[in-house]
Amino acid sequence: MFRLIAVSAVLPVALALTSCATSDDPYNAMCENVVANLMASSQLEFSGSRAGASDNDLTASLNFARGSNEGTAVCYYAKIEDEDELDDEFETSPYKVVLNDRTVSNQELMAATFNATKGMIKETAQETSEQMNEMAREASEKAREVAGSAAETARDVAGNAAEKARNIAHDAAEKVQRSLEK
């Protein structure tokens, strides 16, 4: 068994890491990606994904197909024993995978998990970069709008101030004129 990271530390990220996965559940998504790496195919169609917890572990059971070939996989995630935690937590990487009724060797599993994680992180980084670029474009557009609005407001304020100054000067000139006429 090997331990990568506790789910509580990466659950929000794990939900986003769905490289070729079809599931929103992080355990099913990781299992789908591990199976795709074990099968050396991103052309798998997954169905019937479900996760269930027991006293010792969590299992993600999947059905998949590639063309007319169908298969099954079960990924097992170890429970993290932490007396301080009230909720059950499980490892983010499976410690065992049974693919088409064959237990995958630890070496195959470690390689597939590494590649799945690497691919998921790469895709998430790409998606994050795209989102950040879009947010920067939106912020730039908003800044231009605010700058334009500020310039318009400044022109209005300056125009109003000039108008007030003209009115005050006119009123003062009239007062001077009246006092001279007396």
Protein backbone atom coordinates (compact mmCIF):
# COMPACT_ATOMS: atom_id res chain seq x y z
CA MET A 1 0.00 0.00 0.00
CA PHE A 2 1.22 3.51 -0.73
CA ARG A 3 -0.07 6.86 0.46
CA LEU A 4 0.05 10.01 -1.62
CA ILE A 5 -2.09 12.68 0.05
CA ALA A 6 -5.17 12.93 2.26
CA VAL A 7 -8.42 13.74 0.47
CA SER A 8 -9.26 16.65 2.77
CA ALA A 9 -6.19 18.49 1.50
CA VAL A 10 -7.02 18.07 -2.16
CA LEU A 11 -10.74 17.38 -2.47
CA PRO A 12 -11.52 20.65 -4.30
CA VAL A 13 -8.60 20.05 -6.64
CA ALA A 14 -9.46 16.38 -7.07
CA LEU A 15 -12.96 17.29 -8.21
CA ALA A 16 -11.44 19.42 -10.93
CA LEU A 17 -8.90 16.80 -11.93
CA THR A 18 -10.91 14.76 -14.38
CA SER A 19 -8.58 14.29 -17.33
CA CYS A 20 -10.55 11.66 -19.25
CA ALA A 21 -12.93 11.01 -16.41
CA THR A 22 -16.69 11.27 -16.73
CA SER A 23 -17.44 11.32 -13.01
CA ASP A 24 -17.63 14.28 -10.63
CA ASP A 25 -16.75 11.99 -7.73
CA PRO A 26 -12.98 12.27 -7.11
CA TYR A 27 -12.57 8.55 -6.38
CA ASN A 28 -14.44 7.47 -9.50
CA ALA A 29 -12.58 10.11 -11.54
CA MET A 30 -9.20 8.86 -10.31
CA CYS A 31 -10.23 5.25 -10.90
CA GLU A 32 -11.35 6.09 -14.46
CA ASN A 33 -8.01 7.78 -15.16
CA VAL A 34 -5.99 4.91 -13.66
CA VAL A 35 -7.97 2.39 -15.72
CA ALA A 36 -7.46 4.47 -18.88
CA ASN A 37 -3.71 4.43 -18.18
CA LEU A 38 -3.70 0.70 -17.46
CA MET A 39 -5.60 0.09 -20.70
CA ALA A 40 -3.34 2.57 -22.55
CA SER A 41 -6.43 4.21 -23.99
CA SER A 42 -8.25 7.46 -23.62
CA GLN A 43 -11.02 6.05 -25.83
CA LEU A 44 -12.81 4.28 -23.00
CA GLU A 45 -16.45 4.94 -22.28
CA PHE A 46 -17.31 4.61 -18.58
CA SER A 47 -20.71 3.76 -17.16
CA GLY A 48 -22.11 2.54 -13.90
CA SER A 49 -19.50 4.30 -11.78
CA ARG A 50 -20.25 4.04 -8.09
CA ALA A 51 -18.32 4.47 -4.88
CA GLY A 52 -19.02 2.83 -1.54
CA ALA A 53 -17.26 2.92 1.81
CA SER A 54 -16.73 0.13 4.32
CA ASP A 55 -15.01 0.11 7.70
CA ASN A 56 -11.53 -0.15 6.16
CA ASP A 57 -11.68 1.25 2.66
CA LEU A 58 -13.65 2.87 -0.10
CA THR A 59 -14.25 1.16 -3.42
CA ALA A 60 -14.98 2.72 -6.79
CA SER A 61 -16.57 0.21 -9.16
CA LEU A 62 -16.64 0.98 -12.88
CA ASN A 63 -17.95 -0.54 -16.08
CA PHE A 64 -16.18 0.51 -19.24
CA ALA A 65 -16.16 -0.17 -22.95
CA ARG A 66 -13.77 0.37 -25.82
CA GLY A 67 -15.66 -0.29 -29.00
CA SER A 68 -17.46 -3.60 -28.55
CA ASN A 69 -15.09 -4.76 -25.76
CA GLU A 70 -16.49 -4.30 -22.27
CA GLY A 71 -14.77 -4.54 -18.91
CA THR A 72 -15.00 -3.86 -15.21
CA ALA A 73 -12.70 -2.32 -12.67
CA VAL A 74 -12.74 -1.87 -8.92
CA CYS A 75 -10.37 0.58 -7.25
CA TYR A 76 -9.73 0.32 -3.52
CA TYR A 77 -8.81 3.38 -1.45
CA ALA A 78 -7.46 2.97 2.08
CA LYS A 79 -9.13 4.69 5.00
CA ILE A 80 -6.94 7.22 6.78
CA GLU A 81 -6.82 6.54 10.48
CA ASP A 82 -6.92 9.89 12.25
CA GLU A 83 -8.49 10.05 15.68
CA ASP A 84 -8.87 13.84 15.43
CA GLU A 85 -11.12 13.61 12.38
CA LEU A 86 -14.82 13.00 12.80
CA ASP A 87 -15.46 12.28 9.12
CA ASP A 88 -14.01 9.32 7.26
CA GLU A 89 -11.16 10.24 4.98
CA PHE A 90 -9.60 8.07 2.33
CA GLU A 91 -6.39 8.15 0.33
CA THR A 92 -6.60 9.86 -3.06
CA SER A 93 -4.81 7.05 -4.87
CA PRO A 94 -6.00 3.46 -4.94
CA TYR A 95 -3.87 0.89 -3.14
CA LYS A 96 -5.37 -1.91 -5.23
CA VAL A 97 -7.12 -2.21 -8.59
CA VAL A 98 -8.92 -5.25 -9.92
CA LEU A 99 -9.23 -4.94 -13.69
CA ASN A 100 -11.42 -7.53 -15.45
CA ASP A 101 -11.13 -9.84 -12.42
CA ARG A 102 -7.31 -9.57 -12.37
CA THR A 103 -5.51 -7.79 -9.54
CA VAL A 104 -3.11 -5.29 -11.05
CA SER A 105 0.49 -5.59 -9.82
CA ASN A 106 1.82 -2.88 -7.52
CA GLN A 107 4.35 -1.83 -10.17
CA GLU A 108 1.64 -1.44 -12.85
CA LEU A 109 -0.62 0.34 -10.38
CA MET A 110 2.07 2.79 -9.29
CA ALA A 111 2.96 3.62 -12.92
CA ALA A 112 -0.70 4.02 -13.92
CA THR A 113 -1.46 6.15 -10.85
CA PHE A 114 1.59 8.33 -11.49
CA ASN A 115 0.62 8.83 -15.15
CA ALA A 116 -3.04 9.44 -14.28
CA THR A 117 -2.10 12.02 -11.66
CA LYS A 118 0.40 13.68 -13.99
CA GLY A 119 -2.20 13.90 -16.76
CA MET A 120 -4.88 15.20 -14.43
CA ILE A 121 -2.56 17.87 -13.02
CA LYS A 122 -1.44 18.89 -16.51
CA GLU A 123 -5.04 19.27 -17.68
CA THR A 124 -6.00 21.15 -14.53
CA ALA A 125 -3.04 23.50 -14.98
CA GLN A 126 -4.13 24.13 -18.58
CA GLU A 127 -7.74 24.77 -17.53
CA THR A 128 -6.58 27.03 -14.70
CA SER A 129 -4.35 28.96 -17.10
CA GLU A 130 -7.23 29.41 -19.52
CA GLN A 131 -9.52 30.55 -16.71
CA MET A 132 -6.91 33.00 -15.43
CA ASN A 133 -6.40 34.40 -18.95
CA GLU A 134 -10.16 34.87 -19.33
CA MET A 135 -10.35 36.55 -15.91
CA ALA A 136 -7.47 38.85 -16.88
CA ARG A 137 -9.26 39.77 -20.14
CA GLU A 138 -12.46 40.49 -18.21
CA ALA A 139 -10.57 42.55 -15.61
CA SER A 140 -8.85 44.52 -18.36
CA GLU A 141 -12.17 45.20 -20.07
CA LYS A 142 -13.73 46.23 -16.76
CA ALA A 143 -10.76 48.51 -16.02
CA ARG A 144 -11.22 50.20 -19.41
CA GLU A 145 -14.94 50.65 -18.68
CA VAL A 146 -14.20 52.11 -15.23
CA ALA A 147 -11.49 54.38 -16.67
CA GLY A 148 -13.88 55.59 -19.37
CA SER A 149 -16.60 56.16 -16.79
CA ALA A 150 -14.14 57.99 -14.53
CA ALA A 151 -13.02 60.19 -17.42
CA GLU A 152 -16.64 60.96 -18.29
CA THR A 153 -17.39 61.77 -14.66
CA ALA A 154 -14.30 63.99 -14.48
CA ARG A 155 -15.43 65.85 -17.62
CA ASP A 156 -18.91 66.27 -16.13
CA VAL A 157 -17.50 67.52 -12.82
CA ALA A 158 -15.13 69.89 -14.63
CA GLY A 159 -17.97 71.14 -16.84
CA ASN A 160 -20.20 71.68 -13.81
CA ALA A 161 -17.41 73.45 -11.94
CA ALA A 162 -16.73 75.69 -14.94
CA GLU A 163 -20.44 76.47 -15.24
CA LYS A 164 -20.61 77.32 -11.53
CA ALA A 165 -17.52 79.50 -11.82
CA ARG A 166 -19.05 81.35 -14.79
CA ASN A 167 -22.30 81.85 -12.85
CA ILE A 168 -20.42 83.12 -9.78
CA ALA A 169 -18.31 85.44 -11.95
CA HIS A 170 -21.42 86.69 -13.74
CA ASP A 171 -23.23 87.29 -10.44
CA ALA A 172 -20.17 89.09 -9.04
CA ALA A 173 -19.91 91.26 -12.18
CA GLU A 174 -23.58 92.18 -11.90
CA LYS A 175 -23.11 93.12 -8.23
CA VAL A 176 -20.10 95.28 -9.11
CA GLN A 177 -22.07 96.90 -11.96
CA ARG A 178 -25.00 97.69 -9.64
CA SER A 179 -22.76 99.12 -6.97
CA LEU A 180 -21.03 101.33 -9.58
CA GLU A 181 -24.37 102.57 -10.85
CA LYS A 182 -25.40 103.77 -7.41
